[in-house]
Amino acid sequence: MEKSKNKALRYKWHCNAWDIGGKNEDTRRTGTIEAVLGECEDIEGFPKLKITNITENKITIEWVYSIQYLTPGSYVEFHHEEDGYEDHDGVLWNGYTYSLIIFWDE
């Protein structure tokens, strides 16, 4: 894929923030990621998400230990949970559940 023909990949991002007091708050965002080699712009919950290979019919996206392949008209999903505060008794008081779906629209 030539630089002048970079594609904008569409994404949907979701975060569920919870705590032991009953908080259960959802935040959603949409946006685009430019399909270029290297690390993508910072997306909360998915640091160091990167595109490692681009061909005419496949984009390779890596995050932590996950490698996924995006093809025209398809999507890939990444999920991540983050623990928040844990007290001295080992009780987890809050946390975050993230999901990211990246689409290659035809």
Protein backbone atom coordinates (compact mmCIF):
# COMPACT_ATOMS: atom_id res chain seq x y z
CA MET A 1 0.00 0.00 0.00
CA GLU A 2 1.61 3.26 -1.11
CA LYS A 3 1.74 6.17 1.28
CA SER A 4 -0.62 8.21 -0.89
CA LYS A 5 -3.19 5.41 -0.72
CA ASN A 6 -3.34 5.02 3.07
CA LYS A 7 -6.66 3.82 4.32
CA ALA A 8 -8.55 5.17 7.29
CA LEU A 9 -9.68 2.25 9.43
CA ARG A 10 -12.82 2.92 11.43
CA TYR A 11 -12.96 1.88 15.10
CA LYS A 12 -15.46 1.55 17.94
CA TRP A 13 -14.08 1.80 21.47
CA HIS A 14 -15.90 0.90 24.69
CA CYS A 15 -14.92 1.16 28.36
CA ASN A 16 -16.92 -0.13 31.30
CA ALA A 17 -15.76 1.38 34.62
CA TRP A 18 -16.98 -0.41 37.74
CA ASP A 19 -16.44 -0.32 41.49
CA ILE A 20 -17.58 -2.34 44.49
CA GLY A 21 -20.00 0.42 45.46
CA GLY A 22 -22.15 -0.39 42.44
CA LYS A 23 -20.76 1.97 39.84
CA ASN A 24 -21.21 0.57 36.35
CA GLU A 25 -20.46 3.31 33.84
CA ASP A 26 -20.11 2.82 30.07
CA THR A 27 -18.23 5.16 27.75
CA ARG A 28 -18.20 4.70 23.97
CA ARG A 29 -16.25 6.42 21.20
CA THR A 30 -15.78 6.07 17.49
CA GLY A 31 -12.91 7.25 15.35
CA THR A 32 -10.40 6.38 12.69
CA ILE A 33 -6.87 4.99 12.62
CA GLU A 34 -4.64 5.67 9.65
CA ALA A 35 -3.36 2.40 8.16
CA VAL A 36 0.39 3.04 8.27
CA LEU A 37 3.20 0.87 9.58
CA GLY A 38 4.13 1.44 13.22
CA GLU A 39 2.37 2.29 16.44
CA CYS A 40 -1.14 3.68 16.14
CA GLU A 41 -2.18 6.85 17.91
CA ASP A 42 -2.76 6.24 21.60
CA ILE A 43 -6.14 4.68 22.34
CA GLU A 44 -7.01 4.41 26.04
CA GLY A 45 -6.67 0.82 27.27
CA PHE A 46 -4.69 -0.22 24.17
CA PRO A 47 -1.23 1.37 24.39
CA LYS A 48 1.29 0.28 21.80
CA LEU A 49 -1.30 -1.05 19.36
CA LYS A 50 0.59 -1.27 16.09
CA ILE A 51 0.27 -2.14 12.44
CA THR A 52 3.13 -4.45 11.45
CA ASN A 53 2.31 -5.34 7.85
CA ILE A 54 0.16 -3.90 5.08
CA THR A 55 -0.63 -5.55 1.76
CA GLU A 56 -3.37 -4.88 -0.77
CA ASN A 57 -5.68 -7.43 0.92
CA LYS A 58 -4.46 -7.77 4.51
CA ILE A 59 -3.40 -5.54 7.40
CA THR A 60 -1.63 -7.15 10.36
CA ILE A 61 -2.42 -5.53 13.72
CA GLU A 62 -0.57 -6.48 16.91
CA TRP A 63 -1.30 -5.69 20.51
CA VAL A 64 0.56 -7.29 23.43
CA TYR A 65 0.56 -11.01 22.52
CA SER A 66 -2.30 -10.86 20.02
CA ILE A 67 -1.77 -10.79 16.26
CA GLN A 68 -4.87 -10.29 14.11
CA TYR A 69 -5.40 -9.96 10.38
CA LEU A 70 -7.79 -7.41 8.92
CA THR A 71 -9.10 -7.88 5.38
CA PRO A 72 -11.33 -5.60 3.26
CA GLY A 73 -14.89 -5.62 4.58
CA SER A 74 -13.97 -7.31 7.88
CA TYR A 75 -13.15 -6.33 11.46
CA VAL A 76 -10.91 -7.44 14.35
CA GLU A 77 -11.55 -7.19 18.09
CA PHE A 78 -9.27 -6.62 21.06
CA HIS A 79 -10.30 -6.84 24.74
CA HIS A 80 -8.50 -5.80 27.89
CA GLU A 81 -9.28 -5.66 31.63
CA GLU A 82 -7.44 -3.39 34.02
CA ASP A 83 -7.58 -3.69 37.79
CA GLY A 84 -7.87 -0.49 39.78
CA TYR A 85 -7.23 -0.05 43.50
CA GLU A 86 -6.54 -3.18 45.57
CA ASP A 87 -6.42 -2.75 49.34
CA HIS A 88 -4.04 -4.46 51.79
CA ASP A 89 -6.50 -7.37 52.22
CA GLY A 90 -6.43 -8.09 48.49
CA VAL A 91 -9.90 -6.65 47.84
CA LEU A 92 -10.19 -5.14 44.37
CA TRP A 93 -12.18 -1.90 44.66
CA ASN A 94 -12.55 -0.92 41.02
CA GLY A 95 -11.54 -1.71 37.46
CA TYR A 96 -12.01 -1.14 33.77
CA THR A 97 -13.01 -3.41 30.91
CA TYR A 98 -12.00 -2.17 27.46
CA SER A 99 -12.96 -3.36 23.99
CA LEU A 100 -11.81 -2.13 20.61
CA ILE A 101 -13.26 -3.14 17.24
CA ILE A 102 -11.37 -2.03 14.11
CA PHE A 103 -13.13 -2.14 10.73
CA TRP A 104 -11.74 -2.08 7.20
CA ASP A 105 -14.68 -0.72 5.23
CA GLU A 106 -14.60 -1.51 1.52
